[in-house]
PDB file of all heavy atoms in Angstrom:
ATOM      1  N   LYS A   1       0.822  -1.176   0.039  1.00  0.00           N
ATOM      2  CA  LYS A   1      -0.017  -0.003  -0.025  1.00  0.00           C
ATOM      3  C   LYS A   1       0.881   1.243   0.028  1.00  0.00           C
ATOM      4  O   LYS A   1       0.529   2.245  -0.705  1.00  0.00           O
ATOM      5  CB  LYS A   1      -0.927   0.035   1.233  1.00  0.00           C
ATOM      6  CG  LYS A   1      -1.963  -1.070   1.127  1.00  0.00           C
ATOM      7  CD  LYS A   1      -2.886  -1.028   2.357  1.00  0.00           C
ATOM      8  CE  LYS A   1      -4.006  -1.967   2.241  1.00  0.00           C
ATOM      9  NZ  LYS A   1      -4.855  -2.073   3.350  1.00  0.00           N
ATOM     10  N   CYS A   2       1.941   1.205   0.853  1.00  0.00           N
ATOM     11  CA  CYS A   2       2.830   2.339   0.796  1.00  0.00           C
ATOM     12  C   CYS A   2       3.558   2.516  -0.580  1.00  0.00           C
ATOM     13  O   CYS A   2       3.762   3.746  -1.108  1.00  0.00           O
ATOM     14  CB  CYS A   2       4.016   2.143   1.829  1.00  0.00           C
ATOM     15  SG  CYS A   2       3.340   2.229   3.557  1.00  0.00           S
ATOM     16  N   LEU A   3       3.890   1.544  -1.168  1.00  0.00           N
ATOM     17  CA  LEU A   3       4.455   1.450  -2.559  1.00  0.00           C
ATOM     18  C   LEU A   3       3.536   2.117  -3.601  1.00  0.00           C
ATOM     19  O   LEU A   3       3.885   2.954  -4.389  1.00  0.00           O
ATOM     20  CB  LEU A   3       5.005   0.176  -2.937  1.00  0.00           C
ATOM     21  CG  LEU A   3       6.107  -0.481  -2.137  1.00  0.00           C
ATOM     22  CD1 LEU A   3       6.384  -1.918  -2.522  1.00  0.00           C
ATOM     23  CD2 LEU A   3       7.402   0.318  -2.200  1.00  0.00           C
ATOM     24  N   ASN A   4       2.316   1.567  -3.589  1.00  0.00           N
ATOM     25  CA  ASN A   4       1.295   1.990  -4.412  1.00  0.00           C
ATOM     26  C   ASN A   4       0.965   3.602  -4.345  1.00  0.00           C
ATOM     27  O   ASN A   4       0.691   4.163  -5.240  1.00  0.00           O
ATOM     28  CB  ASN A   4      -0.035   1.214  -4.398  1.00  0.00           C
ATOM     29  CG  ASN A   4       0.154  -0.236  -4.728  1.00  0.00           C
ATOM     30  OD1 ASN A   4       1.122  -0.552  -5.442  1.00  0.00           O
ATOM     31  ND2 ASN A   4      -0.698  -1.091  -4.214  1.00  0.00           N
ATOM     32  N   ALA A   5       0.996   3.984  -3.057  1.00  0.00           N
ATOM     33  CA  ALA A   5       0.717   5.348  -2.745  1.00  0.00           C
ATOM     34  C   ALA A   5       1.863   6.308  -3.135  1.00  0.00           C
ATOM     35  O   ALA A   5       1.671   7.541  -3.075  1.00  0.00           O
ATOM     36  CB  ALA A   5       0.341   5.593  -1.333  1.00  0.00           C
ATOM     37  N   LYS A   6       2.989   5.744  -3.375  1.00  0.00           N
ATOM     38  CA  LYS A   6       4.164   6.513  -3.777  1.00  0.00           C
ATOM     39  C   LYS A   6       4.491   7.585  -2.649  1.00  0.00           C
ATOM     40  O   LYS A   6       4.611   8.684  -2.973  1.00  0.00           O
ATOM     41  CB  LYS A   6       4.082   7.187  -5.139  1.00  0.00           C
ATOM     42  CG  LYS A   6       3.967   6.128  -6.241  1.00  0.00           C
ATOM     43  CD  LYS A   6       4.003   6.720  -7.554  1.00  0.00           C
ATOM     44  CE  LYS A   6       3.890   5.705  -8.629  1.00  0.00           C
ATOM     45  NZ  LYS A   6       4.869   4.608  -8.634  1.00  0.00           N
ATOM     46  N   LYS A   7       4.447   7.033  -1.386  1.00  0.00           N
ATOM     47  CA  LYS A   7       4.850   7.864  -0.212  1.00  0.00           C
ATOM     48  C   LYS A   7       3.831   9.018   0.130  1.00  0.00           C
ATOM     49  O   LYS A   7       4.123   9.850   1.089  1.00  0.00           O
ATOM     50  CB  LYS A   7       6.229   8.570  -0.470  1.00  0.00           C
ATOM     51  CG  LYS A   7       7.311   7.541  -0.818  1.00  0.00           C
ATOM     52  CD  LYS A   7       8.694   8.126  -1.093  1.00  0.00           C
ATOM     53  CE  LYS A   7       8.678   9.038  -2.280  1.00  0.00           C
ATOM     54  NZ  LYS A   7       8.332   8.207  -3.525  1.00  0.00           N
ATOM     55  N   GLN A   8       2.679   9.039  -0.535  1.00  0.00           N
ATOM     56  CA  GLN A   8       1.742  10.009  -0.228  1.00  0.00           C
ATOM     57  C   GLN A   8       0.667   9.525   0.781  1.00  0.00           C
ATOM     58  O   GLN A   8      -0.012   8.509   0.649  1.00  0.00           O
ATOM     59  CB  GLN A   8       0.956  10.559  -1.449  1.00  0.00           C
ATOM     60  CG  GLN A   8       1.941  11.113  -2.494  1.00  0.00           C
ATOM     61  CD  GLN A   8       2.661  12.373  -2.030  1.00  0.00           C
ATOM     62  OE1 GLN A   8       2.116  13.290  -1.401  1.00  0.00           O
ATOM     63  NE2 GLN A   8       3.907  12.448  -2.257  1.00  0.00           N
ATOM     64  N   ASN A   9       0.586  10.234   1.901  1.00  0.00           N
ATOM     65  CA  ASN A   9      -0.468   9.939   2.924  1.00  0.00           C
ATOM     66  C   ASN A   9      -0.325   8.402   3.361  1.00  0.00           C
ATOM     67  O   ASN A   9      -1.345   7.679   3.498  1.00  0.00           O
ATOM     68  CB  ASN A   9      -1.904  10.172   2.400  1.00  0.00           C
ATOM     69  CG  ASN A   9      -2.066  11.612   1.943  1.00  0.00           C
ATOM     70  OD1 ASN A   9      -1.702  12.520   2.702  1.00  0.00           O
ATOM     71  ND2 ASN A   9      -2.691  11.772   0.802  1.00  0.00           N
ATOM     72  N   VAL A  10       0.904   7.982   3.729  1.00  0.00           N
ATOM     73  CA  VAL A  10       1.148   6.698   4.152  1.00  0.00           C
ATOM     74  C   VAL A  10       1.305   6.516   5.737  1.00  0.00           C
ATOM     75  O   VAL A  10       1.569   5.474   6.245  1.00  0.00           O
ATOM     76  CB  VAL A  10       2.412   6.124   3.530  1.00  0.00           C
ATOM     77  CG1 VAL A  10       2.216   6.140   1.936  1.00  0.00           C
ATOM     78  CG2 VAL A  10       3.626   6.963   3.880  1.00  0.00           C
ATOM     79  N   GLU A  11       1.076   7.628   6.363  1.00  0.00           N
ATOM     80  CA  GLU A  11       1.252   7.656   7.852  1.00  0.00           C
ATOM     81  C   GLU A  11       0.480   6.575   8.557  1.00  0.00           C
ATOM     82  O   GLU A  11       0.921   5.854   9.532  1.00  0.00           O
ATOM     83  CB  GLU A  11       0.898   9.058   8.454  1.00  0.00           C
ATOM     84  CG  GLU A  11       1.871  10.181   7.969  1.00  0.00           C
ATOM     85  CD  GLU A  11       1.529  10.703   6.647  1.00  0.00           C
ATOM     86  OE1 GLU A  11       0.480  10.270   6.054  1.00  0.00           O
ATOM     87  OE2 GLU A  11       2.296  11.519   6.136  1.00  0.00           O
ATOM     88  N   GLU A  12      -0.826   6.317   8.199  1.00  0.00           N
ATOM     89  CA  GLU A  12      -1.639   5.385   8.872  1.00  0.00           C
ATOM     90  C   GLU A  12      -1.091   4.010   8.669  1.00  0.00           C
ATOM     91  O   GLU A  12      -0.964   3.163   9.638  1.00  0.00           O
ATOM     92  CB  GLU A  12      -3.025   5.448   8.345  1.00  0.00           C
ATOM     93  CG  GLU A  12      -3.986   4.486   8.967  1.00  0.00           C
ATOM     94  CD  GLU A  12      -5.430   4.627   8.527  1.00  0.00           C
ATOM     95  OE1 GLU A  12      -5.751   5.799   7.857  1.00  0.00           O
ATOM     96  OE2 GLU A  12      -6.280   3.756   8.824  1.00  0.00           O
ATOM     97  N   TRP A  13      -0.678   3.633   7.478  1.00  0.00           N
ATOM     98  CA  TRP A  13      -0.118   2.299   7.219  1.00  0.00           C
ATOM     99  C   TRP A  13       1.229   2.163   7.870  1.00  0.00           C
ATOM    100  O   TRP A  13       1.514   1.069   8.448  1.00  0.00           O
ATOM    101  CB  TRP A  13       0.072   2.130   5.706  1.00  0.00           C
ATOM    102  CG  TRP A  13      -1.266   2.159   4.972  1.00  0.00           C
ATOM    103  CD1 TRP A  13      -2.482   1.613   5.389  1.00  0.00           C
ATOM    104  CD2 TRP A  13      -1.586   2.773   3.710  1.00  0.00           C
ATOM    105  NE1 TRP A  13      -3.438   1.860   4.549  1.00  0.00           N
ATOM    106  CE2 TRP A  13      -2.900   2.572   3.413  1.00  0.00           C
ATOM    107  CE3 TRP A  13      -0.841   3.500   2.850  1.00  0.00           C
ATOM    108  CZ2 TRP A  13      -3.507   3.071   2.244  1.00  0.00           C
ATOM    109  CZ3 TRP A  13      -1.400   4.033   1.744  1.00  0.00           C
ATOM    110  CH2 TRP A  13      -2.694   3.845   1.440  1.00  0.00           C
ATOM    111  N   GLU A  14       2.026   3.203   7.977  1.00  0.00           N
ATOM    112  CA  GLU A  14       3.315   3.115   8.705  1.00  0.00           C
ATOM    113  C   GLU A  14       3.169   2.897  10.163  1.00  0.00           C
ATOM    114  O   GLU A  14       3.829   2.142  10.795  1.00  0.00           O
ATOM    115  CB  GLU A  14       4.147   4.401   8.371  1.00  0.00           C
ATOM    116  CG  GLU A  14       4.722   4.517   6.994  1.00  0.00           C
ATOM    117  CD  GLU A  14       5.596   5.748   6.859  1.00  0.00           C
ATOM    118  OE1 GLU A  14       5.399   6.726   7.557  1.00  0.00           O
ATOM    119  OE2 GLU A  14       6.474   5.708   6.014  1.00  0.00           O
ATOM    120  N   ALA A  15       2.089   3.489  10.693  1.00  0.00           N
ATOM    121  CA  ALA A  15       1.843   3.280  12.158  1.00  0.00           C
ATOM    122  C   ALA A  15       1.360   1.900  12.417  1.00  0.00           C
ATOM    123  O   ALA A  15       1.777   1.286  13.402  1.00  0.00           O
ATOM    124  CB  ALA A  15       0.763   4.274  12.646  1.00  0.00           C
ATOM    125  N   GLU A  16       0.583   1.338  11.522  1.00  0.00           N
ATOM    126  CA  GLU A  16       0.149  -0.075  11.638  1.00  0.00           C
ATOM    127  C   GLU A  16       1.255  -1.035  11.472  1.00  0.00           C
ATOM    128  O   GLU A  16       1.482  -1.985  12.154  1.00  0.00           O
ATOM    129  CB  GLU A  16      -0.873  -0.362  10.507  1.00  0.00           C
ATOM    130  CG  GLU A  16      -1.606  -1.717  10.792  1.00  0.00           C
ATOM    131  CD  GLU A  16      -2.818  -1.816   9.894  1.00  0.00           C
ATOM    132  OE1 GLU A  16      -3.301  -0.918   9.256  1.00  0.00           O
ATOM    133  OE2 GLU A  16      -3.297  -3.040   9.925  1.00  0.00           O
ATOM    134  N   ILE A  17       2.228  -0.722  10.584  1.00  0.00           N
ATOM    135  CA  ILE A  17       3.502  -1.522  10.453  1.00  0.00           C
ATOM    136  C   ILE A  17       4.289  -1.450  11.735  1.00  0.00           C
ATOM    137  O   ILE A  17       4.744  -2.506  12.211  1.00  0.00           O
ATOM    138  CB  ILE A  17       4.307  -1.012   9.280  1.00  0.00           C
ATOM    139  CG1 ILE A  17       3.711  -1.380   7.927  1.00  0.00           C
ATOM    140  CG2 ILE A  17       5.785  -1.652   9.348  1.00  0.00           C
ATOM    141  CD1 ILE A  17       4.363  -0.732   6.708  1.00  0.00           C
ATOM    142  N   ASN A  18       4.476  -0.249  12.346  1.00  0.00           N
ATOM    143  CA  ASN A  18       5.225  -0.112  13.561  1.00  0.00           C
ATOM    144  C   ASN A  18       4.504  -1.039  14.732  1.00  0.00           C
ATOM    145  O   ASN A  18       5.224  -1.666  15.435  1.00  0.00           O
ATOM    146  CB  ASN A  18       5.276   1.283  14.032  1.00  0.00           C
ATOM    147  CG  ASN A  18       6.186   2.066  13.111  1.00  0.00           C
ATOM    148  OD1 ASN A  18       7.188   1.599  12.575  1.00  0.00           O
ATOM    149  ND2 ASN A  18       5.982   3.373  13.089  1.00  0.00           N
ATOM    150  N   ASP A  19       3.285  -0.971  14.716  1.00  0.00           N
ATOM    151  CA  ASP A  19       2.546  -1.762  15.781  1.00  0.00           C
ATOM    152  C   ASP A  19       2.776  -3.268  15.630  1.00  0.00           C
ATOM    153  O   ASP A  19       3.033  -3.967  16.555  1.00  0.00           O
ATOM    154  CB  ASP A  19       0.963  -1.431  15.711  1.00  0.00           C
ATOM    155  CG  ASP A  19       0.696  -0.039  16.219  1.00  0.00           C
ATOM    156  OD1 ASP A  19       1.534   0.495  16.971  1.00  0.00           O
ATOM    157  OD2 ASP A  19      -0.418   0.455  16.053  1.00  0.00           O
ATOM    158  N   LYS A  20       2.619  -3.779  14.329  1.00  0.00           N
ATOM    159  CA  LYS A  20       2.844  -5.197  14.050  1.00  0.00           C
ATOM    160  C   LYS A  20       4.252  -5.563  14.304  1.00  0.00           C
ATOM    161  O   LYS A  20       4.469  -6.671  14.793  1.00  0.00           O
ATOM    162  CB  LYS A  20       2.383  -5.458  12.622  1.00  0.00           C
ATOM    163  CG  LYS A  20       0.876  -5.422  12.389  1.00  0.00           C
ATOM    164  CD  LYS A  20       0.562  -5.693  10.914  1.00  0.00           C
ATOM    165  CE  LYS A  20      -0.984  -5.690  10.676  1.00  0.00           C
ATOM    166  NZ  LYS A  20      -1.587  -6.742  11.365  1.00  0.00           N
ATOM    167  N   VAL A  21       5.170  -4.699  14.018  1.00  0.00           N
ATOM    168  CA  VAL A  21       6.667  -5.147  14.199  1.00  0.00           C
ATOM    169  C   VAL A  21       6.918  -5.125  15.652  1.00  0.00           C
ATOM    170  O   VAL A  21       7.564  -6.016  16.146  1.00  0.00           O
ATOM    171  CB  VAL A  21       7.544  -4.096  13.467  1.00  0.00           C
ATOM    172  CG1 VAL A  21       9.052  -4.267  13.908  1.00  0.00           C
ATOM    173  CG2 VAL A  21       7.391  -4.228  11.924  1.00  0.00           C
ATOM    174  N   ALA A  22       6.400  -4.148  16.426  1.00  0.00           N
ATOM    175  CA  ALA A  22       6.598  -4.194  17.951  1.00  0.00           C
ATOM    176  C   ALA A  22       6.073  -5.465  18.534  1.00  0.00           C
ATOM    177  O   ALA A  22       6.655  -5.989  19.426  1.00  0.00           O
ATOM    178  CB  ALA A  22       5.928  -2.892  18.464  1.00  0.00           C
ATOM    179  N   TYR A  23       4.870  -5.884  18.067  1.00  0.00           N
ATOM    180  CA  TYR A  23       4.350  -7.131  18.570  1.00  0.00           C
ATOM    181  C   TYR A  23       5.229  -8.357  18.177  1.00  0.00           C
ATOM    182  O   TYR A  23       5.442  -9.231  19.171  1.00  0.00           O
ATOM    183  CB  TYR A  23       2.979  -7.324  17.929  1.00  0.00           C
ATOM    184  CG  TYR A  23       2.365  -8.738  18.234  1.00  0.00           C
ATOM    185  CD1 TYR A  23       1.695  -8.906  19.393  1.00  0.00           C
ATOM    186  CD2 TYR A  23       2.378  -9.773  17.289  1.00  0.00           C
ATOM    187  CE1 TYR A  23       1.104 -10.135  19.762  1.00  0.00           C
ATOM    188  CE2 TYR A  23       1.891 -11.003  17.705  1.00  0.00           C
ATOM    189  CZ  TYR A  23       1.213 -11.149  18.878  1.00  0.00           C
ATOM    190  OH  TYR A  23       0.673 -12.373  19.198  1.00  0.00           O
ATOM    191  N   LEU A  24       5.908  -8.374  17.113  1.00  0.00           N
ATOM    192  CA  LEU A  24       6.680  -9.432  16.697  1.00  0.00           C
ATOM    193  C   LEU A  24       7.880  -9.544  17.660  1.00  0.00           C
ATOM    194  O   LEU A  24       8.413 -10.575  17.927  1.00  0.00           O
ATOM    195  CB  LEU A  24       7.131  -9.333  15.273  1.00  0.00           C
ATOM    196  CG  LEU A  24       6.100  -9.603  14.180  1.00  0.00           C
ATOM    197  CD1 LEU A  24       6.616  -9.392  12.771  1.00  0.00           C
ATOM    198  CD2 LEU A  24       5.535 -11.043  14.297  1.00  0.00           C
ATOM    199  N   TYR A  25       8.519  -8.416  18.050  1.00  0.00           N
ATOM    200  CA  TYR A  25       9.633  -8.335  18.915  1.00  0.00           C
ATOM    201  C   TYR A  25       9.280  -8.414  20.429  1.00  0.00           C
ATOM    202  O   TYR A  25      10.135  -8.493  21.143  1.00  0.00           O
ATOM    203  CB  TYR A  25      10.405  -7.047  18.694  1.00  0.00           C
ATOM    204  CG  TYR A  25      11.214  -7.024  17.414  1.00  0.00           C
ATOM    205  CD1 TYR A  25      10.627  -6.497  16.256  1.00  0.00           C
ATOM    206  CD2 TYR A  25      12.465  -7.542  17.360  1.00  0.00           C
ATOM    207  CE1 TYR A  25      11.359  -6.455  14.997  1.00  0.00           C
ATOM    208  CE2 TYR A  25      13.159  -7.587  16.167  1.00  0.00           C
ATOM    209  CZ  TYR A  25      12.655  -6.982  15.038  1.00  0.00           C
ATOM    210  OH  TYR A  25      13.296  -7.008  13.757  1.00  0.00           O
ATOM    211  N   GLY A  26       7.975  -8.551  20.689  1.00  0.00           N
ATOM    212  CA  GLY A  26       7.523  -8.650  22.065  1.00  0.00           C
ATOM    213  C   GLY A  26       7.763  -7.486  22.883  1.00  0.00           C
ATOM    214  O   GLY A  26       8.069  -7.627  24.108  1.00  0.00           O
ATOM    215  N   LEU A  27       7.662  -6.306  22.343  1.00  0.00           N
ATOM    216  CA  LEU A  27       7.954  -4.995  23.163  1.00  0.00           C
ATOM    217  C   LEU A  27       6.802  -4.739  24.139  1.00  0.00           C
ATOM    218  O   LEU A  27       5.651  -4.795  23.749  1.00  0.00           O
ATOM    219  CB  LEU A  27       8.268  -3.917  22.206  1.00  0.00           C
ATOM    220  CG  LEU A  27       9.407  -4.121  21.231  1.00  0.00           C
ATOM    221  CD1 LEU A  27       9.691  -2.728  20.616  1.00  0.00           C
ATOM    222  CD2 LEU A  27      10.712  -4.589  21.939  1.00  0.00           C
ATOM    223  N   THR A  28       7.111  -4.204  25.224  1.00  0.00           N
ATOM    224  CA  THR A  28       6.198  -3.719  26.179  1.00  0.00           C
ATOM    225  C   THR A  28       5.892  -2.253  25.926  1.00  0.00           C
ATOM    226  O   THR A  28       6.629  -1.601  25.107  1.00  0.00           O
ATOM    227  CB  THR A  28       6.781  -3.876  27.618  1.00  0.00           C
ATOM    228  OG1 THR A  28       7.907  -2.891  27.714  1.00  0.00           O
ATOM    229  CG2 THR A  28       7.294  -5.146  27.932  1.00  0.00           C
ATOM    230  N   ALA A  29       4.834  -1.706  26.596  1.00  0.00           N
ATOM    231  CA  ALA A  29       4.467  -0.394  26.438  1.00  0.00           C
ATOM    232  C   ALA A  29       5.637   0.552  26.777  1.00  0.00           C
ATOM    233  O   ALA A  29       5.886   1.614  26.149  1.00  0.00           O
ATOM    234  CB  ALA A  29       3.318  -0.032  27.145  1.00  0.00           C
ATOM    235  N   GLN A  30       6.439   0.233  27.865  1.00  0.00           N
ATOM    236  CA  GLN A  30       7.472   1.107  28.341  1.00  0.00           C
ATOM    237  C   GLN A  30       8.623   1.010  27.297  1.00  0.00           C
ATOM    238  O   GLN A  30       9.160   2.113  27.071  1.00  0.00           O
ATOM    239  CB  GLN A  30       7.956   0.532  29.592  1.00  0.00           C
ATOM    240  CG  GLN A  30       9.199   1.329  30.172  1.00  0.00           C
ATOM    241  CD  GLN A  30       8.851   2.803  30.485  1.00  0.00           C
ATOM    242  OE1 GLN A  30       7.772   3.179  30.725  1.00  0.00           O
ATOM    243  NE2 GLN A  30       9.908   3.629  30.330  1.00  0.00           N
ATOM    244  N   GLU A  31       8.859  -0.062  26.696  1.00  0.00           N
ATOM    245  CA  GLU A  31       9.988  -0.167  25.705  1.00  0.00           C
ATOM    246  C   GLU A  31       9.621   0.637  24.480  1.00  0.00           C
ATOM    247  O   GLU A  31      10.427   1.317  23.876  1.00  0.00           O
ATOM    248  CB  GLU A  31      10.209  -1.648  25.315  1.00  0.00           C
ATOM    249  CG  GLU A  31      10.992  -2.304  26.522  1.00  0.00           C
ATOM    250  CD  GLU A  31      10.932  -3.843  26.340  1.00  0.00           C
ATOM    251  OE1 GLU A  31       9.985  -4.357  25.585  1.00  0.00           O
ATOM    252  OE2 GLU A  31      11.773  -4.470  26.997  1.00  0.00           O
ATOM    253  N   ILE A  32       8.303   0.524  24.014  1.00  0.00           N
ATOM    254  CA  ILE A  32       7.898   1.445  22.885  1.00  0.00           C
ATOM    255  C   ILE A  32       7.940   2.804  23.154  1.00  0.00           C
ATOM    256  O   ILE A  32       8.384   3.676  22.305  1.00  0.00           O
ATOM    257  CB  ILE A  32       6.439   1.060  22.606  1.00  0.00           C
ATOM    258  CG1 ILE A  32       6.316  -0.413  22.075  1.00  0.00           C
ATOM    259  CG2 ILE A  32       5.839   1.973  21.464  1.00  0.00           C
ATOM    260  CD1 ILE A  32       4.980  -0.924  21.768  1.00  0.00           C
ATOM    261  N   LYS A  33       7.694   3.185  24.385  1.00  0.00           N
ATOM    262  CA  LYS A  33       7.840   4.624  24.917  1.00  0.00           C
ATOM    263  C   LYS A  33       9.257   5.097  24.780  1.00  0.00           C
ATOM    264  O   LYS A  33       9.507   6.206  24.284  1.00  0.00           O
ATOM    265  CB  LYS A  33       7.322   4.663  26.344  1.00  0.00           C
ATOM    266  CG  LYS A  33       7.303   6.163  26.836  1.00  0.00           C
ATOM    267  CD  LYS A  33       6.719   6.205  28.330  1.00  0.00           C
ATOM    268  CE  LYS A  33       6.681   7.574  28.741  1.00  0.00           C
ATOM    269  NZ  LYS A  33       6.101   7.716  30.185  1.00  0.00           N
ATOM    270  N   ILE A  34      10.248   4.232  25.085  1.00  0.00           N
ATOM    271  CA  ILE A  34      11.679   4.604  25.084  1.00  0.00           C
ATOM    272  C   ILE A  34      11.989   4.882  23.584  1.00  0.00           C
ATOM    273  O   ILE A  34      12.709   5.835  23.280  1.00  0.00           O
ATOM    274  CB  ILE A  34      12.534   3.466  25.609  1.00  0.00           C
ATOM    275  CG1 ILE A  34      12.363   3.323  27.104  1.00  0.00           C
ATOM    276  CG2 ILE A  34      14.027   3.670  25.256  1.00  0.00           C
ATOM    277  CD1 ILE A  34      13.023   2.061  27.705  1.00  0.00           C
ATOM    278  N   ILE A  35      11.537   3.990  22.747  1.00  0.00           N
ATOM    279  CA  ILE A  35      11.895   4.136  21.255  1.00  0.00           C
ATOM    280  C   ILE A  35      11.211   5.404  20.781  1.00  0.00           C
ATOM    281  O   ILE A  35      11.916   6.149  20.080  1.00  0.00           O
ATOM    282  CB  ILE A  35      11.332   2.973  20.450  1.00  0.00           C
ATOM    283  CG1 ILE A  35      12.234   1.713  20.889  1.00  0.00           C
ATOM    284  CG2 ILE A  35      11.390   3.230  18.939  1.00  0.00           C
ATOM    285  CD1 ILE A  35      11.748   0.360  20.211  1.00  0.00           C
ATOM    286  N   ASN A  36      10.028   5.696  21.062  1.00  0.00           N
ATOM    287  CA  ASN A  36       9.315   6.924  20.505  1.00  0.00           C
ATOM    288  C   ASN A  36       9.910   8.136  21.135  1.00  0.00           C
ATOM    289  O   ASN A  36       9.976   9.149  20.361  1.00  0.00           O
ATOM    290  CB  ASN A  36       7.784   6.754  20.860  1.00  0.00           C
ATOM    291  CG  ASN A  36       7.084   5.692  20.001  1.00  0.00           C
ATOM    292  OD1 ASN A  36       7.544   5.291  18.925  1.00  0.00           O
ATOM    293  ND2 ASN A  36       6.052   5.147  20.548  1.00  0.00           N
ATOM    294  N   PHE A  37      10.270   8.133  22.409  1.00  0.00           N
ATOM    295  CA  PHE A  37      10.866   9.299  23.065  1.00  0.00           C
ATOM    296  C   PHE A  37      12.190   9.619  22.232  1.00  0.00           C
ATOM    297  O   PHE A  37      12.503  10.850  22.032  1.00  0.00           O
ATOM    298  CB  PHE A  37      11.140   9.010  24.498  1.00  0.00           C
ATOM    299  CG  PHE A  37      11.813  10.236  25.191  1.00  0.00           C
ATOM    300  CD1 PHE A  37      10.995  11.259  25.580  1.00  0.00           C
ATOM    301  CD2 PHE A  37      13.128  10.220  25.451  1.00  0.00           C
ATOM    302  CE1 PHE A  37      11.461  12.334  26.196  1.00  0.00           C
ATOM    303  CE2 PHE A  37      13.695  11.319  26.083  1.00  0.00           C
ATOM    304  CZ  PHE A  37      12.940  12.343  26.435  1.00  0.00           C
ATOM    305  N   ASP A  38      13.097   8.624  22.063  1.00  0.00           N
ATOM    306  CA  ASP A  38      14.320   8.839  21.386  1.00  0.00           C
ATOM    307  C   ASP A  38      14.196   9.405  20.013  1.00  0.00           C
ATOM    308  O   ASP A  38      14.879  10.255  19.524  1.00  0.00           O
ATOM    309  CB  ASP A  38      15.125   7.564  21.332  1.00  0.00           C
ATOM    310  CG  ASP A  38      15.698   7.268  22.708  1.00  0.00           C
ATOM    311  OD1 ASP A  38      15.601   8.052  23.691  1.00  0.00           O
ATOM    312  OD2 ASP A  38      16.431   6.240  22.887  1.00  0.00           O
ATOM    313  N   LEU A  39      13.160   8.890  19.229  1.00  0.00           N
ATOM    314  CA  LEU A  39      13.040   9.244  17.817  1.00  0.00           C
ATOM    315  C   LEU A  39      12.436  10.635  17.820  1.00  0.00           C
ATOM    316  O   LEU A  39      12.587  11.256  16.748  1.00  0.00           O
ATOM    317  CB  LEU A  39      12.152   8.193  17.077  1.00  0.00           C
ATOM    318  CG  LEU A  39      12.822   6.798  17.030  1.00  0.00           C
ATOM    319  CD1 LEU A  39      11.908   5.997  16.232  1.00  0.00           C
ATOM    320  CD2 LEU A  39      14.219   6.966  16.341  1.00  0.00           C
ATOM    321  N   ASN A  40      11.698  11.073  18.780  1.00  0.00           N
ATOM    322  CA  ASN A  40      11.003  12.412  18.699  1.00  0.00           C
ATOM    323  C   ASN A  40      11.898  13.443  19.230  1.00  0.00           C
ATOM    324  O   ASN A  40      11.579  14.618  19.215  1.00  0.00           O
ATOM    325  CB  ASN A  40       9.651  12.278  19.340  1.00  0.00           C
ATOM    326  CG  ASN A  40       8.733  11.393  18.653  1.00  0.00           C
ATOM    327  OD1 ASN A  40       8.729  11.252  17.443  1.00  0.00           O
ATOM    328  ND2 ASN A  40       7.721  10.762  19.371  1.00  0.00           N
TER     329      ASN A  40
END
C-alpha cells in the first residue's frame, strides 16, 4: 500500500506496520515509549 501510494499519505499504514513489528519483537508499552521518545 505504501508503494502504491508513492509515499503520499502513508502515515496510517506506517503506524500499523510499527505496531505489528513491535508485537513481533515482544515489546512492552514502556519499551515502545523509550523508542518513541528517542526518535522524537
